[in-house]
């Protein structure tokens, strides 16, 4: 994710991304959000939903430990989550397998130079 969008997510969701600038040797969030810009809205909505559960429900504060693309899908790991919060994460990860990682439009899983990724028609030949 571009530094600007990475920073915007951290600004909008400071409690979730409190480890964003941690030492990468101790927490993977120190590496930043390791995925394409096309998943920005998906991650932003997920973060809003997770925070709502904390502020208006009985859920603990979710703290992101890892946000990246792996095998063409979003991987979003948190320090602690209720069943409901984990279901939100699972749904977002599943949706990512159908959204172009470059632009967020509907896409299909592809293999580009040995890397699995989701791309729309427009970005089908773009390097991962």
C-alpha atoms as a PDB file:
ATOM      1  CA  UNK A   1       0.000   0.000   0.000  1.00  0.00           C
ATOM      2  CA  UNK A   2       1.276   3.450  -0.773  1.00  0.00           C
ATOM      3  CA  UNK A   3       2.685   5.364   2.199  1.00  0.00           C
ATOM      4  CA  UNK A   4      -0.101   7.959   1.928  1.00  0.00           C
ATOM      5  CA  UNK A   5      -2.912   5.382   2.191  1.00  0.00           C
ATOM      6  CA  UNK A   6      -1.040   3.468   4.897  1.00  0.00           C
ATOM      7  CA  UNK A   7      -0.793   6.707   6.910  1.00  0.00           C
ATOM      8  CA  UNK A   8      -4.465   7.524   6.305  1.00  0.00           C
ATOM      9  CA  UNK A   9      -5.609   4.162   7.686  1.00  0.00           C
ATOM     10  CA  UNK A  10      -3.371   4.640  10.732  1.00  0.00           C
ATOM     11  CA  UNK A  11      -4.759   8.153  11.230  1.00  0.00           C
ATOM     12  CA  UNK A  12      -8.382   6.961  10.958  1.00  0.00           C
ATOM     13  CA  UNK A  13      -7.858   3.914  13.194  1.00  0.00           C
ATOM     14  CA  UNK A  14      -5.070   4.735  15.661  1.00  0.00           C
ATOM     15  CA  UNK A  15      -6.162   2.204  18.279  1.00  0.00           C
ATOM     16  CA  UNK A  16      -6.205  -0.641  15.764  1.00  0.00           C
ATOM     17  CA  UNK A  17      -2.848   0.336  14.281  1.00  0.00           C
ATOM     18  CA  UNK A  18      -1.054   1.235  17.491  1.00  0.00           C
ATOM     19  CA  UNK A  19       1.830  -1.110  16.562  1.00  0.00           C
ATOM     20  CA  UNK A  20       2.242   0.367  13.069  1.00  0.00           C
ATOM     21  CA  UNK A  21       5.687   1.801  13.795  1.00  0.00           C
ATOM     22  CA  UNK A  22       6.899  -1.020  16.034  1.00  0.00           C
ATOM     23  CA  UNK A  23      10.201  -2.750  15.417  1.00  0.00           C
ATOM     24  CA  UNK A  24       9.552  -5.167  12.518  1.00  0.00           C
ATOM     25  CA  UNK A  25      11.552  -7.793  14.401  1.00  0.00           C
ATOM     26  CA  UNK A  26       8.957  -7.808  17.196  1.00  0.00           C
ATOM     27  CA  UNK A  27       5.731  -7.081  15.266  1.00  0.00           C
ATOM     28  CA  UNK A  28       4.956  -7.478  11.564  1.00  0.00           C
ATOM     29  CA  UNK A  29       2.977  -4.205  11.604  1.00  0.00           C
ATOM     30  CA  UNK A  30       6.354  -2.477  11.653  1.00  0.00           C
ATOM     31  CA  UNK A  31       6.582  -3.368   7.946  1.00  0.00           C
ATOM     32  CA  UNK A  32       3.339  -1.500   7.253  1.00  0.00           C
ATOM     33  CA  UNK A  33       0.317  -2.606   5.298  1.00  0.00           C
ATOM     34  CA  UNK A  34       1.755  -5.022   2.771  1.00  0.00           C
ATOM     35  CA  UNK A  35      -0.938  -5.111   0.103  1.00  0.00           C
ATOM     36  CA  UNK A  36      -2.169  -3.102  -2.851  1.00  0.00           C
ATOM     37  CA  UNK A  37      -4.162   0.123  -2.759  1.00  0.00           C
ATOM     38  CA  UNK A  38      -7.229  -1.615  -4.192  1.00  0.00           C
ATOM     39  CA  UNK A  39      -8.003  -3.124  -0.805  1.00  0.00           C
ATOM     40  CA  UNK A  40      -7.941   0.228   1.010  1.00  0.00           C
ATOM     41  CA  UNK A  41     -11.742   0.536   1.247  1.00  0.00           C
ATOM     42  CA  UNK A  42     -12.131  -3.106   2.304  1.00  0.00           C
ATOM     43  CA  UNK A  43      -9.590  -2.658   5.116  1.00  0.00           C
ATOM     44  CA  UNK A  44     -11.039   0.728   6.131  1.00  0.00           C
ATOM     45  CA  UNK A  45     -14.567  -0.698   6.454  1.00  0.00           C
ATOM     46  CA  UNK A  46     -13.257  -3.713   8.369  1.00  0.00           C
ATOM     47  CA  UNK A  47     -11.423  -1.423  10.789  1.00  0.00           C
ATOM     48  CA  UNK A  48     -14.544   0.711  11.300  1.00  0.00           C
ATOM     49  CA  UNK A  49     -16.572  -2.413  12.048  1.00  0.00           C
ATOM     50  CA  UNK A  50     -13.998  -3.829  14.461  1.00  0.00           C
ATOM     51  CA  UNK A  51     -13.793  -0.516  16.320  1.00  0.00           C
ATOM     52  CA  UNK A  52     -17.601  -0.255  16.510  1.00  0.00           C
ATOM     53  CA  UNK A  53     -17.661  -3.638  18.258  1.00  0.00           C
ATOM     54  CA  UNK A  54     -15.209  -2.317  20.825  1.00  0.00           C
ATOM     55  CA  UNK A  55     -16.872   1.051  21.394  1.00  0.00           C
ATOM     56  CA  UNK A  56     -20.509  -0.061  21.312  1.00  0.00           C
ATOM     57  CA  UNK A  57     -20.319  -3.728  22.157  1.00  0.00           C
ATOM     58  CA  UNK A  58     -18.479  -5.890  24.598  1.00  0.00           C
ATOM     59  CA  UNK A  59     -15.492  -6.671  22.386  1.00  0.00           C
ATOM     60  CA  UNK A  60     -11.903  -6.054  23.455  1.00  0.00           C
ATOM     61  CA  UNK A  61      -9.804  -3.545  21.547  1.00  0.00           C
ATOM     62  CA  UNK A  62      -8.592  -5.301  18.422  1.00  0.00           C
ATOM     63  CA  UNK A  63      -4.964  -4.440  17.645  1.00  0.00           C
ATOM     64  CA  UNK A  64      -3.587  -5.242  14.203  1.00  0.00           C
ATOM     65  CA  UNK A  65      -0.506  -7.436  14.236  1.00  0.00           C
ATOM     66  CA  UNK A  66      -0.286  -8.179  10.496  1.00  0.00           C
ATOM     67  CA  UNK A  67      -1.952  -6.823   7.365  1.00  0.00           C
ATOM     68  CA  UNK A  68      -0.691  -8.253   4.087  1.00  0.00           C
ATOM     69  CA  UNK A  69      -1.468 -10.135   0.916  1.00  0.00           C
ATOM     70  CA  UNK A  70      -0.702 -13.831   0.961  1.00  0.00           C
ATOM     71  CA  UNK A  71      -1.609 -16.315  -1.762  1.00  0.00           C
ATOM     72  CA  UNK A  72      -3.720 -13.618  -3.426  1.00  0.00           C
ATOM     73  CA  UNK A  73      -5.878 -12.898  -0.376  1.00  0.00           C
ATOM     74  CA  UNK A  74      -5.860 -10.404   2.453  1.00  0.00           C
ATOM     75  CA  UNK A  75      -4.399 -11.637   5.737  1.00  0.00           C
ATOM     76  CA  UNK A  76      -5.523  -9.519   8.680  1.00  0.00           C
ATOM     77  CA  UNK A  77      -4.370 -10.712  12.094  1.00  0.00           C
ATOM     78  CA  UNK A  78      -5.242  -9.059  15.390  1.00  0.00           C
ATOM     79  CA  UNK A  79      -4.022  -9.478  18.947  1.00  0.00           C
ATOM     80  CA  UNK A  80      -7.436 -10.416  20.310  1.00  0.00           C
ATOM     81  CA  UNK A  81     -10.872 -10.788  18.754  1.00  0.00           C
ATOM     82  CA  UNK A  82     -14.295 -12.051  19.692  1.00  0.00           C
ATOM     83  CA  UNK A  83     -16.022 -14.623  17.494  1.00  0.00           C
ATOM     84  CA  UNK A  84     -18.008 -11.820  15.894  1.00  0.00           C
ATOM     85  CA  UNK A  85     -14.892  -9.749  15.181  1.00  0.00           C
ATOM     86  CA  UNK A  86     -13.143 -12.808  13.746  1.00  0.00           C
ATOM     87  CA  UNK A  87     -16.151 -13.424  11.501  1.00  0.00           C
ATOM     88  CA  UNK A  88     -15.791  -9.839  10.202  1.00  0.00           C
ATOM     89  CA  UNK A  89     -12.113 -10.481   9.481  1.00  0.00           C
ATOM     90  CA  UNK A  90     -12.894 -13.803   7.782  1.00  0.00           C
ATOM     91  CA  UNK A  91     -15.507 -12.141   5.562  1.00  0.00           C
ATOM     92  CA  UNK A  92     -13.121  -9.352   4.552  1.00  0.00           C
ATOM     93  CA  UNK A  93     -10.412 -11.884   3.739  1.00  0.00           C
ATOM     94  CA  UNK A  94     -12.880 -13.851   1.608  1.00  0.00           C
ATOM     95  CA  UNK A  95     -14.042 -10.705  -0.216  1.00  0.00           C
ATOM     96  CA  UNK A  96     -10.437  -9.781  -1.006  1.00  0.00           C
ATOM     97  CA  UNK A  97     -10.198 -12.901  -3.169  1.00  0.00           C
ATOM     98  CA  UNK A  98     -12.686 -11.235  -5.550  1.00  0.00           C
ATOM     99  CA  UNK A  99     -11.378  -7.656  -5.574  1.00  0.00           C
ATOM    100  CA  UNK A 100      -8.489  -6.396  -7.679  1.00  0.00           C
ATOM    101  CA  UNK A 101      -5.626  -5.619  -5.349  1.00  0.00           C
ATOM    102  CA  UNK A 102      -4.604  -2.715  -7.599  1.00  0.00           C
ATOM    103  CA  UNK A 103      -7.915  -0.837  -7.938  1.00  0.00           C
ATOM    104  CA  UNK A 104     -10.631  -2.607  -5.925  1.00  0.00           C
ATOM    105  CA  UNK A 105     -12.826  -3.507  -8.903  1.00  0.00           C
ATOM    106  CA  UNK A 106     -14.175  -7.055  -9.232  1.00  0.00           C
ATOM    107  CA  UNK A 107     -11.396  -9.407 -10.253  1.00  0.00           C
ATOM    108  CA  UNK A 108     -10.291 -13.002 -10.500  1.00  0.00           C
ATOM    109  CA  UNK A 109      -7.478 -14.945  -8.901  1.00  0.00           C
ATOM    110  CA  UNK A 110      -4.519 -15.243 -11.262  1.00  0.00           C
ATOM    111  CA  UNK A 111      -0.947 -16.399 -11.252  1.00  0.00           C
ATOM    112  CA  UNK A 112       1.472 -13.774 -12.544  1.00  0.00           C
ATOM    113  CA  UNK A 113       5.102 -14.896 -12.723  1.00  0.00           C
ATOM    114  CA  UNK A 114       4.412 -17.483 -10.034  1.00  0.00           C
ATOM    115  CA  UNK A 115       2.615 -15.088  -7.660  1.00  0.00           C
ATOM    116  CA  UNK A 116      -1.083 -15.547  -6.889  1.00  0.00           C
ATOM    117  CA  UNK A 117      -2.983 -12.289  -7.025  1.00  0.00           C
ATOM    118  CA  UNK A 118      -6.454 -10.938  -7.787  1.00  0.00           C
ATOM    119  CA  UNK A 119      -6.718  -8.684 -10.811  1.00  0.00           C
ATOM    120  CA  UNK A 120      -9.508  -7.065 -12.805  1.00  0.00           C
ATOM    121  CA  UNK A 121      -9.423  -7.166 -16.608  1.00  0.00           C
ATOM    122  CA  UNK A 122      -7.625  -3.817 -16.761  1.00  0.00           C
ATOM    123  CA  UNK A 123      -4.807  -4.898 -14.406  1.00  0.00           C
ATOM    124  CA  UNK A 124      -4.586  -8.547 -15.474  1.00  0.00           C
ATOM    125  CA  UNK A 125      -1.047  -8.179 -16.801  1.00  0.00           C
ATOM    126  CA  UNK A 126       0.253  -5.821 -14.089  1.00  0.00           C
ATOM    127  CA  UNK A 127       3.147  -7.132 -11.991  1.00  0.00           C
ATOM    128  CA  UNK A 128       2.291  -8.019  -8.384  1.00  0.00           C
END
